[in-house]
Amino acid sequence: MEIGHVGLYVGDFDRMLAFYRRVFGFTITDMGRDAKRSIVFLTADPTSHHQLVLVTGRPENEQHLVNQLSFRLKTLAELRRVYQRLIEDGVPNLEPLTHGIAWSVYFPDPDGNRVEAYVDTPWYITQPHRTRIDLLDPDADIYARTEALCRNMPGFTPLAAWSEAVARNITPL
């Protein structure tokens, strides 16, 4: 297991985006903007869709800066074991999802911090995307449903091809 990415609530979205791109050479892999929020996914690793997520919503008078803590697992079986432990421990508000690029479960830790455990899929689709899944289904069913979903979404490509394209855009340190 490794820490997969960090999400930060930001006040000045454009300034924070420019800062992280300039200082660390991150490239934008996806961005979503609407009247309610802006979110951007950034990476400096062509094998990782995002290492940093910036999202609007930082409260002005509160030190609530971390959006979530994410743990990248190696296999769907590992994710299923984590999910089963969460169920057994009675953790509330479990959200098992596919983002197309990953299978995830979101949950609160005992202090209420947002935590994600996830596994990458072999596909890329434009982000953000969220579809609920059942992590107790057999692997073959989860793979088949996710691939079918991805093939019908904008930006669909195998992850290896997406990684090669992103690699060309990353500014070396």
N, C-alpha and C. Protein backbone atom coordinates (compact mmCIF):
# COMPACT_ATOMS: atom_id res chain seq x y z
N MET A 1 0.84 -1.17 0.00
CA MET A 1 0.00 0.00 0.00
C MET A 1 0.89 1.23 0.00
N GLU A 2 0.42 2.29 -0.62
CA GLU A 2 1.11 3.58 -0.61
C GLU A 2 0.08 4.69 -0.53
N ILE A 3 0.50 5.83 -0.06
CA ILE A 3 -0.40 6.99 -0.13
C ILE A 3 -0.50 7.36 -1.59
N GLY A 4 -1.70 7.40 -2.09
CA GLY A 4 -1.92 7.60 -3.51
C GLY A 4 -1.99 9.03 -3.95
N HIS A 5 -2.73 9.85 -3.22
CA HIS A 5 -2.84 11.26 -3.57
C HIS A 5 -3.42 12.03 -2.39
N VAL A 6 -3.30 13.34 -2.49
CA VAL A 6 -3.84 14.22 -1.46
C VAL A 6 -4.78 15.20 -2.14
N GLY A 7 -5.88 15.48 -1.49
CA GLY A 7 -6.82 16.48 -1.97
C GLY A 7 -6.84 17.66 -1.03
N LEU A 8 -6.73 18.85 -1.58
CA LEU A 8 -6.71 20.07 -0.78
C LEU A 8 -7.89 20.97 -1.13
N TYR A 9 -8.57 21.45 -0.10
CA TYR A 9 -9.53 22.52 -0.30
C TYR A 9 -8.74 23.81 -0.49
N VAL A 10 -9.11 24.63 -1.46
CA VAL A 10 -8.37 25.85 -1.75
C VAL A 10 -9.31 27.05 -1.77
N GLY A 11 -8.76 28.21 -1.47
CA GLY A 11 -9.51 29.44 -1.54
C GLY A 11 -9.39 30.08 -2.91
N ASP A 12 -8.18 30.29 -3.37
CA ASP A 12 -7.92 30.90 -4.69
C ASP A 12 -7.50 29.78 -5.64
N PHE A 13 -8.47 29.21 -6.30
CA PHE A 13 -8.25 28.04 -7.15
C PHE A 13 -7.18 28.29 -8.22
N ASP A 14 -7.31 29.35 -8.98
CA ASP A 14 -6.39 29.60 -10.08
C ASP A 14 -4.96 29.86 -9.59
N ARG A 15 -4.84 30.56 -8.48
CA ARG A 15 -3.51 30.84 -7.93
C ARG A 15 -2.84 29.55 -7.44
N MET A 16 -3.61 28.71 -6.74
CA MET A 16 -3.06 27.44 -6.25
C MET A 16 -2.68 26.52 -7.40
N LEU A 17 -3.50 26.47 -8.43
CA LEU A 17 -3.20 25.65 -9.60
C LEU A 17 -1.90 26.11 -10.26
N ALA A 18 -1.76 27.39 -10.47
CA ALA A 18 -0.54 27.93 -11.10
C ALA A 18 0.69 27.64 -10.22
N PHE A 19 0.54 27.78 -8.91
CA PHE A 19 1.65 27.55 -7.99
C PHE A 19 2.15 26.10 -8.10
N TYR A 20 1.26 25.13 -7.97
CA TYR A 20 1.69 23.73 -7.99
C TYR A 20 2.22 23.31 -9.36
N ARG A 21 1.68 23.88 -10.41
CA ARG A 21 2.22 23.57 -11.75
C ARG A 21 3.62 24.16 -11.91
N ARG A 22 3.80 25.39 -11.45
CA ARG A 22 5.08 26.07 -11.61
C ARG A 22 6.17 25.45 -10.72
N VAL A 23 5.86 25.22 -9.47
CA VAL A 23 6.88 24.77 -8.52
C VAL A 23 7.24 23.30 -8.71
N PHE A 24 6.25 22.44 -8.94
CA PHE A 24 6.50 21.00 -9.00
C PHE A 24 6.39 20.40 -10.40
N GLY A 25 6.01 21.20 -11.38
CA GLY A 25 5.92 20.71 -12.75
C GLY A 25 4.74 19.80 -13.02
N PHE A 26 3.70 19.87 -12.17
CA PHE A 26 2.52 19.05 -12.39
C PHE A 26 1.86 19.40 -13.72
N THR A 27 1.24 18.40 -14.34
CA THR A 27 0.42 18.62 -15.50
C THR A 27 -1.03 18.32 -15.13
N ILE A 28 -1.95 19.00 -15.79
CA ILE A 28 -3.37 18.78 -15.56
C ILE A 28 -3.79 17.53 -16.34
N THR A 29 -4.41 16.58 -15.62
CA THR A 29 -4.93 15.41 -16.31
C THR A 29 -6.43 15.53 -16.56
N ASP A 30 -7.14 16.23 -15.69
CA ASP A 30 -8.56 16.51 -15.87
C ASP A 30 -8.95 17.70 -15.02
N MET A 31 -10.00 18.39 -15.45
CA MET A 31 -10.50 19.52 -14.69
C MET A 31 -12.01 19.61 -14.89
N GLY A 32 -12.71 19.96 -13.82
CA GLY A 32 -14.14 20.18 -13.90
C GLY A 32 -14.48 21.50 -13.24
N ARG A 33 -15.29 22.29 -13.90
CA ARG A 33 -15.73 23.58 -13.35
C ARG A 33 -17.21 23.74 -13.62
N ASP A 34 -17.92 24.17 -12.58
CA ASP A 34 -19.32 24.57 -12.76
C ASP A 34 -19.60 25.71 -11.79
N ALA A 35 -20.83 26.08 -11.66
CA ALA A 35 -21.18 27.23 -10.82
C ALA A 35 -20.89 26.98 -9.34
N LYS A 36 -20.88 25.72 -8.91
CA LYS A 36 -20.71 25.39 -7.50
C LYS A 36 -19.26 25.14 -7.10
N ARG A 37 -18.47 24.49 -7.98
CA ARG A 37 -17.12 24.16 -7.57
C ARG A 37 -16.21 23.99 -8.79
N SER A 38 -14.93 24.08 -8.48
CA SER A 38 -13.88 23.76 -9.45
C SER A 38 -13.03 22.67 -8.85
N ILE A 39 -12.60 21.72 -9.68
CA ILE A 39 -11.74 20.64 -9.24
C ILE A 39 -10.73 20.36 -10.35
N VAL A 40 -9.48 20.12 -9.95
CA VAL A 40 -8.44 19.80 -10.92
C VAL A 40 -7.62 18.63 -10.41
N PHE A 41 -7.27 17.73 -11.33
CA PHE A 41 -6.46 16.56 -11.03
C PHE A 41 -5.08 16.81 -11.64
N LEU A 42 -4.02 16.64 -10.84
CA LEU A 42 -2.65 16.95 -11.27
C LEU A 42 -1.73 15.76 -11.03
N THR A 43 -0.75 15.59 -11.93
CA THR A 43 0.24 14.54 -11.74
C THR A 43 1.59 14.96 -12.29
N ALA A 44 2.63 14.37 -11.72
CA ALA A 44 3.98 14.47 -12.25
C ALA A 44 4.51 13.05 -12.50
N ASP A 45 3.61 12.07 -12.50
CA ASP A 45 3.94 10.66 -12.72
C ASP A 45 3.00 10.13 -13.79
N PRO A 46 3.52 9.79 -14.97
CA PRO A 46 2.64 9.36 -16.05
C PRO A 46 1.92 8.03 -15.80
N THR A 47 2.24 7.34 -14.73
CA THR A 47 1.52 6.11 -14.40
C THR A 47 0.43 6.35 -13.36
N SER A 48 0.26 7.59 -12.92
CA SER A 48 -0.73 7.92 -11.91
C SER A 48 -1.63 9.04 -12.41
N HIS A 49 -2.94 8.79 -12.49
CA HIS A 49 -3.85 9.82 -12.98
C HIS A 49 -3.73 11.11 -12.18
N HIS A 50 -3.63 11.00 -10.88
CA HIS A 50 -3.44 12.20 -10.08
C HIS A 50 -2.71 11.89 -8.78
N GLN A 51 -1.85 12.85 -8.41
CA GLN A 51 -1.14 12.80 -7.14
C GLN A 51 -1.66 13.91 -6.22
N LEU A 52 -2.22 14.92 -6.83
CA LEU A 52 -2.73 16.07 -6.10
C LEU A 52 -4.07 16.47 -6.72
N VAL A 53 -5.05 16.74 -5.85
CA VAL A 53 -6.35 17.25 -6.28
C VAL A 53 -6.56 18.58 -5.56
N LEU A 54 -6.92 19.59 -6.32
CA LEU A 54 -7.28 20.89 -5.75
C LEU A 54 -8.77 21.09 -6.01
N VAL A 55 -9.50 21.48 -4.96
CA VAL A 55 -10.94 21.67 -5.09
C VAL A 55 -11.36 22.89 -4.29
N THR A 56 -12.24 23.69 -4.86
CA THR A 56 -12.73 24.86 -4.15
C THR A 56 -13.55 24.41 -2.95
N GLY A 57 -13.65 25.28 -1.96
CA GLY A 57 -14.47 24.97 -0.80
C GLY A 57 -13.77 25.17 0.53
N ARG A 58 -12.58 25.77 0.51
CA ARG A 58 -11.88 25.99 1.77
C ARG A 58 -12.63 27.05 2.59
N PRO A 59 -13.08 26.68 3.79
CA PRO A 59 -13.75 27.67 4.65
C PRO A 59 -12.77 28.77 5.06
N GLU A 60 -13.23 30.00 5.07
CA GLU A 60 -12.34 31.13 5.35
C GLU A 60 -11.85 31.18 6.79
N ASN A 61 -12.67 30.80 7.74
CA ASN A 61 -12.29 30.94 9.15
C ASN A 61 -12.03 29.61 9.83
N GLU A 62 -11.66 28.59 9.07
CA GLU A 62 -11.46 27.27 9.64
C GLU A 62 -10.21 26.67 9.01
N GLN A 63 -9.46 25.92 9.78
CA GLN A 63 -8.26 25.27 9.29
C GLN A 63 -8.59 23.88 8.75
N HIS A 64 -9.59 23.79 7.90
CA HIS A 64 -10.02 22.53 7.29
C HIS A 64 -9.43 22.50 5.88
N LEU A 65 -8.19 22.04 5.77
CA LEU A 65 -7.47 22.16 4.51
C LEU A 65 -7.42 20.87 3.71
N VAL A 66 -7.52 19.72 4.36
CA VAL A 66 -7.38 18.45 3.66
C VAL A 66 -8.76 17.96 3.24
N ASN A 67 -8.89 17.72 1.95
CA ASN A 67 -10.14 17.20 1.40
C ASN A 67 -10.26 15.71 1.69
N GLN A 68 -9.16 14.95 1.47
CA GLN A 68 -9.19 13.51 1.75
C GLN A 68 -7.78 12.95 1.77
N LEU A 69 -7.66 11.78 2.38
CA LEU A 69 -6.43 11.02 2.39
C LEU A 69 -6.72 9.74 1.62
N SER A 70 -5.89 9.44 0.62
CA SER A 70 -6.15 8.29 -0.26
C SER A 70 -5.03 7.28 -0.19
N PHE A 71 -5.40 6.01 -0.08
CA PHE A 71 -4.45 4.92 -0.03
C PHE A 71 -4.60 4.07 -1.28
N ARG A 72 -3.52 3.98 -2.04
CA ARG A 72 -3.50 3.21 -3.29
C ARG A 72 -3.10 1.78 -2.97
N LEU A 73 -3.98 0.84 -3.29
CA LEU A 73 -3.74 -0.57 -3.09
C LEU A 73 -3.33 -1.20 -4.41
N LYS A 74 -2.83 -2.44 -4.33
CA LYS A 74 -2.31 -3.09 -5.54
C LYS A 74 -3.35 -3.92 -6.28
N THR A 75 -4.32 -4.49 -5.56
CA THR A 75 -5.26 -5.41 -6.20
C THR A 75 -6.70 -5.15 -5.75
N LEU A 76 -7.61 -5.60 -6.58
CA LEU A 76 -9.02 -5.54 -6.24
C LEU A 76 -9.31 -6.40 -5.00
N ALA A 77 -8.59 -7.50 -4.85
CA ALA A 77 -8.77 -8.36 -3.66
C ALA A 77 -8.40 -7.58 -2.38
N GLU A 78 -7.33 -6.79 -2.43
CA GLU A 78 -6.96 -5.98 -1.27
C GLU A 78 -8.05 -4.96 -0.96
N LEU A 79 -8.59 -4.32 -2.00
CA LEU A 79 -9.66 -3.34 -1.79
C LEU A 79 -10.88 -4.01 -1.18
N ARG A 80 -11.19 -5.20 -1.67
CA ARG A 80 -12.33 -5.93 -1.12
C ARG A 80 -12.11 -6.27 0.36
N ARG A 81 -10.87 -6.64 0.74
CA ARG A 81 -10.57 -6.93 2.16
C ARG A 81 -10.76 -5.68 3.02
N VAL A 82 -10.29 -4.54 2.55
CA VAL A 82 -10.49 -3.29 3.29
C VAL A 82 -11.98 -3.01 3.43
N TYR A 83 -12.71 -3.14 2.35
CA TYR A 83 -14.16 -2.89 2.36
C TYR A 83 -14.85 -3.81 3.36
N GLN A 84 -14.48 -5.09 3.36
CA GLN A 84 -15.08 -6.05 4.28
C GLN A 84 -14.78 -5.67 5.74
N ARG A 85 -13.55 -5.24 6.02
CA ARG A 85 -13.20 -4.80 7.38
C ARG A 85 -14.03 -3.59 7.80
N LEU A 86 -14.24 -2.67 6.88
CA LEU A 86 -15.06 -1.49 7.19
C LEU A 86 -16.48 -1.90 7.54
N ILE A 87 -17.02 -2.84 6.77
CA ILE A 87 -18.37 -3.34 7.05
C ILE A 87 -18.39 -4.01 8.43
N GLU A 88 -17.41 -4.88 8.69
CA GLU A 88 -17.36 -5.60 9.97
C GLU A 88 -17.20 -4.64 11.15
N ASP A 89 -16.47 -3.53 10.94
CA ASP A 89 -16.28 -2.56 12.02
C ASP A 89 -17.46 -1.59 12.15
N GLY A 90 -18.45 -1.72 11.30
CA GLY A 90 -19.63 -0.86 11.39
C GLY A 90 -19.37 0.58 10.99
N VAL A 91 -18.38 0.80 10.13
CA VAL A 91 -18.08 2.16 9.68
C VAL A 91 -19.27 2.66 8.84
N PRO A 92 -19.79 3.84 9.15
CA PRO A 92 -20.96 4.35 8.43
C PRO A 92 -20.57 5.01 7.11
N ASN A 93 -21.56 5.25 6.29
CA ASN A 93 -21.43 6.06 5.07
C ASN A 93 -20.37 5.54 4.09
N LEU A 94 -20.33 4.23 3.89
CA LEU A 94 -19.40 3.67 2.92
C LEU A 94 -19.88 4.00 1.51
N GLU A 95 -18.96 4.41 0.66
CA GLU A 95 -19.27 4.75 -0.73
C GLU A 95 -18.37 3.95 -1.68
N PRO A 96 -18.78 2.75 -2.09
CA PRO A 96 -18.00 2.02 -3.07
C PRO A 96 -18.33 2.53 -4.47
N LEU A 97 -17.30 2.95 -5.20
CA LEU A 97 -17.50 3.60 -6.50
C LEU A 97 -16.48 3.13 -7.51
N THR A 98 -16.82 3.34 -8.78
CA THR A 98 -15.79 3.33 -9.80
C THR A 98 -15.74 4.73 -10.39
N HIS A 99 -14.51 5.18 -10.63
CA HIS A 99 -14.29 6.43 -11.34
C HIS A 99 -13.90 6.12 -12.79
N GLY A 100 -14.00 4.86 -13.17
CA GLY A 100 -13.52 4.42 -14.47
C GLY A 100 -12.03 4.17 -14.43
N ILE A 101 -11.29 5.12 -13.90
CA ILE A 101 -9.83 4.99 -13.76
C ILE A 101 -9.44 4.23 -12.50
N ALA A 102 -10.40 4.05 -11.59
CA ALA A 102 -10.11 3.38 -10.31
C ALA A 102 -11.39 2.83 -9.72
N TRP A 103 -11.22 1.78 -8.90
CA TRP A 103 -12.28 1.30 -8.02
C TRP A 103 -11.95 1.82 -6.64
N SER A 104 -12.93 2.39 -5.95
CA SER A 104 -12.68 3.06 -4.67
C SER A 104 -13.74 2.73 -3.65
N VAL A 105 -13.36 2.90 -2.40
CA VAL A 105 -14.34 2.99 -1.33
C VAL A 105 -13.96 4.22 -0.51
N TYR A 106 -14.93 5.10 -0.30
CA TYR A 106 -14.77 6.30 0.52
C TYR A 106 -15.46 6.05 1.85
N PHE A 107 -14.85 6.58 2.91
CA PHE A 107 -15.41 6.38 4.24
C PHE A 107 -14.82 7.42 5.20
N PRO A 108 -15.52 7.67 6.32
CA PRO A 108 -14.97 8.57 7.33
C PRO A 108 -14.09 7.80 8.31
N ASP A 109 -12.99 8.43 8.74
CA ASP A 109 -12.22 7.83 9.83
C ASP A 109 -12.91 8.21 11.14
N PRO A 110 -12.42 7.74 12.28
CA PRO A 110 -13.11 8.03 13.55
C PRO A 110 -13.26 9.52 13.87
N ASP A 111 -12.36 10.38 13.34
CA ASP A 111 -12.50 11.82 13.56
C ASP A 111 -13.32 12.50 12.48
N GLY A 112 -13.84 11.72 11.53
CA GLY A 112 -14.67 12.30 10.48
C GLY A 112 -13.91 12.74 9.25
N ASN A 113 -12.60 12.48 9.17
CA ASN A 113 -11.83 12.82 7.98
C ASN A 113 -12.21 11.89 6.83
N ARG A 114 -12.26 12.42 5.63
CA ARG A 114 -12.60 11.64 4.45
C ARG A 114 -11.38 10.81 4.03
N VAL A 115 -11.58 9.50 3.88
CA VAL A 115 -10.51 8.57 3.50
C VAL A 115 -10.99 7.78 2.28
N GLU A 116 -10.04 7.48 1.39
CA GLU A 116 -10.33 6.66 0.22
C GLU A 116 -9.29 5.54 0.15
N ALA A 117 -9.75 4.33 -0.12
CA ALA A 117 -8.86 3.22 -0.50
C ALA A 117 -9.23 2.92 -1.95
N TYR A 118 -8.22 2.74 -2.81
CA TYR A 118 -8.54 2.54 -4.22
C TYR A 118 -7.50 1.68 -4.93
N VAL A 119 -7.91 1.18 -6.09
CA VAL A 119 -7.08 0.40 -6.99
C VAL A 119 -7.28 0.97 -8.39
N ASP A 120 -6.19 1.16 -9.11
CA ASP A 120 -6.29 1.63 -10.49
C ASP A 120 -6.90 0.56 -11.38
N THR A 121 -7.64 0.99 -12.40
CA THR A 121 -8.14 0.09 -13.43
C THR A 121 -7.21 0.21 -14.65
N PRO A 122 -7.38 -0.63 -15.64
CA PRO A 122 -6.54 -0.52 -16.84
C PRO A 122 -7.06 0.48 -17.87
N TRP A 123 -8.02 1.34 -17.48
CA TRP A 123 -8.64 2.26 -18.44
C TRP A 123 -8.58 3.70 -17.94
N TYR A 124 -8.70 4.60 -18.90
CA TYR A 124 -8.83 6.02 -18.60
C TYR A 124 -10.13 6.50 -19.20
N ILE A 125 -10.84 7.35 -18.44
CA ILE A 125 -11.96 8.14 -18.96
C ILE A 125 -11.83 9.53 -18.36
N THR A 126 -12.45 10.50 -19.00
CA THR A 126 -12.40 11.88 -18.53
C THR A 126 -12.98 11.97 -17.12
N GLN A 127 -12.30 12.73 -16.27
CA GLN A 127 -12.70 12.90 -14.87
C GLN A 127 -13.25 14.30 -14.65
N PRO A 128 -14.08 14.53 -13.66
CA PRO A 128 -14.52 13.59 -12.63
C PRO A 128 -15.64 12.68 -13.12
N HIS A 129 -15.69 11.48 -12.56
CA HIS A 129 -16.74 10.51 -12.84
C HIS A 129 -16.95 9.66 -11.60
N ARG A 130 -18.21 9.35 -11.30
CA ARG A 130 -18.56 8.51 -10.14
C ARG A 130 -19.75 7.63 -10.49
N THR A 131 -19.57 6.32 -10.36
CA THR A 131 -20.67 5.37 -10.50
C THR A 131 -20.57 4.38 -9.35
N ARG A 132 -21.67 4.18 -8.66
CA ARG A 132 -21.68 3.25 -7.52
C ARG A 132 -21.48 1.81 -8.02
N ILE A 133 -20.72 1.02 -7.24
CA ILE A 133 -20.49 -0.38 -7.57
C ILE A 133 -20.66 -1.23 -6.31
N ASP A 134 -20.75 -2.54 -6.51
CA ASP A 134 -20.80 -3.47 -5.39
C ASP A 134 -19.46 -4.19 -5.32
N LEU A 135 -18.65 -3.84 -4.35
CA LEU A 135 -17.32 -4.44 -4.21
C LEU A 135 -17.37 -5.88 -3.75
N LEU A 136 -18.55 -6.39 -3.42
CA LEU A 136 -18.67 -7.80 -3.04
C LEU A 136 -18.96 -8.68 -4.25
N ASP A 137 -19.18 -8.08 -5.43
CA ASP A 137 -19.35 -8.85 -6.66
C ASP A 137 -18.03 -9.52 -7.03
N PRO A 138 -18.09 -10.60 -7.81
CA PRO A 138 -16.85 -11.25 -8.26
C PRO A 138 -16.01 -10.29 -9.12
N ASP A 139 -14.69 -10.48 -9.08
CA ASP A 139 -13.76 -9.64 -9.86
C ASP A 139 -14.17 -9.56 -11.33
N ALA A 140 -14.48 -10.71 -11.92
CA ALA A 140 -14.81 -10.73 -13.35
C ALA A 140 -16.00 -9.82 -13.65
N ASP A 141 -17.00 -9.81 -12.78
CA ASP A 141 -18.17 -8.95 -12.99
C ASP A 141 -17.80 -7.47 -12.86
N ILE A 142 -16.98 -7.16 -11.86
CA ILE A 142 -16.57 -5.76 -11.66
C ILE A 142 -15.75 -5.28 -12.86
N TYR A 143 -14.81 -6.10 -13.33
CA TYR A 143 -14.01 -5.74 -14.50
C TYR A 143 -14.90 -5.53 -15.72
N ALA A 144 -15.80 -6.48 -15.98
CA ALA A 144 -16.64 -6.41 -17.18
C ALA A 144 -17.55 -5.19 -17.15
N ARG A 145 -18.19 -4.92 -16.02
CA ARG A 145 -19.09 -3.76 -15.93
C ARG A 145 -18.32 -2.45 -16.07
N THR A 146 -17.15 -2.40 -15.43
CA THR A 146 -16.36 -1.17 -15.50
C THR A 146 -15.86 -0.92 -16.92
N GLU A 147 -15.36 -1.95 -17.57
CA GLU A 147 -14.89 -1.77 -18.95
C GLU A 147 -16.03 -1.34 -19.86
N ALA A 148 -17.20 -1.96 -19.72
CA ALA A 148 -18.35 -1.57 -20.55
C ALA A 148 -18.73 -0.11 -20.30
N LEU A 149 -18.72 0.29 -19.04
CA LEU A 149 -19.01 1.68 -18.69
C LEU A 149 -17.99 2.61 -19.36
N CYS A 150 -16.70 2.28 -19.20
CA CYS A 150 -15.63 3.13 -19.72
C CYS A 150 -15.69 3.27 -21.23
N ARG A 151 -15.96 2.20 -21.93
CA ARG A 151 -15.99 2.22 -23.39
C ARG A 151 -17.04 3.17 -23.93
N ASN A 152 -18.02 3.53 -23.10
CA ASN A 152 -19.09 4.44 -23.52
C ASN A 152 -18.94 5.85 -22.95
N MET A 153 -17.78 6.16 -22.38
CA MET A 153 -17.57 7.47 -21.75
C MET A 153 -16.57 8.30 -22.54
N PRO A 154 -16.66 9.62 -22.40
CA PRO A 154 -15.71 10.51 -23.09
C PRO A 154 -14.27 10.23 -22.65
N GLY A 155 -13.37 10.28 -23.61
CA GLY A 155 -11.95 10.15 -23.34
C GLY A 155 -11.45 8.73 -23.20
N PHE A 156 -12.32 7.72 -23.40
CA PHE A 156 -11.90 6.34 -23.17
C PHE A 156 -10.64 6.00 -23.94
N THR A 157 -9.68 5.44 -23.22
CA THR A 157 -8.45 4.92 -23.82
C THR A 157 -7.82 3.96 -22.82
N PRO A 158 -7.03 3.02 -23.30
CA PRO A 158 -6.29 2.17 -22.35
C PRO A 158 -5.35 3.04 -21.50
N LEU A 159 -5.16 2.66 -20.27
CA LEU A 159 -4.34 3.45 -19.35
C LEU A 159 -2.92 3.63 -19.86
N ALA A 160 -2.35 2.62 -20.50
CA ALA A 160 -0.97 2.73 -21.00
C ALA A 160 -0.85 3.84 -22.04
N ALA A 161 -1.81 3.96 -22.94
CA ALA A 161 -1.78 5.02 -23.95
C ALA A 161 -1.95 6.38 -23.30
N TRP A 162 -2.85 6.47 -22.31
CA TRP A 162 -3.04 7.72 -21.59
C TRP A 162 -1.74 8.13 -20.89
N SER A 163 -1.06 7.16 -20.25
CA SER A 163 0.19 7.44 -19.54
C SER A 163 1.27 7.98 -20.48
N GLU A 164 1.38 7.41 -21.66
CA GLU A 164 2.36 7.89 -22.65
C GLU A 164 2.08 9.33 -23.04
N ALA A 165 0.82 9.68 -23.24
CA ALA A 165 0.46 11.05 -23.61
C ALA A 165 0.76 12.02 -22.48
N VAL A 166 0.46 11.63 -21.25
CA VAL A 166 0.72 12.50 -20.09
C VAL A 166 2.22 12.70 -19.90
N ALA A 167 3.01 11.66 -20.11
CA ALA A 167 4.46 11.75 -19.94
C ALA A 167 5.06 12.86 -20.80
N ARG A 168 4.50 13.05 -21.97
CA ARG A 168 5.02 14.09 -22.87
C ARG A 168 4.74 15.51 -22.35
N ASN A 169 3.78 15.65 -21.43
CA ASN A 169 3.39 16.97 -20.92
C ASN A 169 3.99 17.33 -19.57
N ILE A 170 4.65 16.39 -18.91
CA ILE A 170 5.18 16.64 -17.58
C ILE A 170 6.49 17.41 -17.70
N THR A 171 6.60 18.49 -16.94
CA THR A 171 7.81 19.30 -16.91
C THR A 171 8.79 18.67 -15.93
N PRO A 172 9.97 18.25 -16.40
CA PRO A 172 10.93 17.65 -15.45
C PRO A 172 11.45 18.68 -14.46
N LEU A 173 11.74 18.22 -13.24
CA LEU A 173 12.29 19.10 -12.22
C LEU A 173 13.76 19.37 -12.49
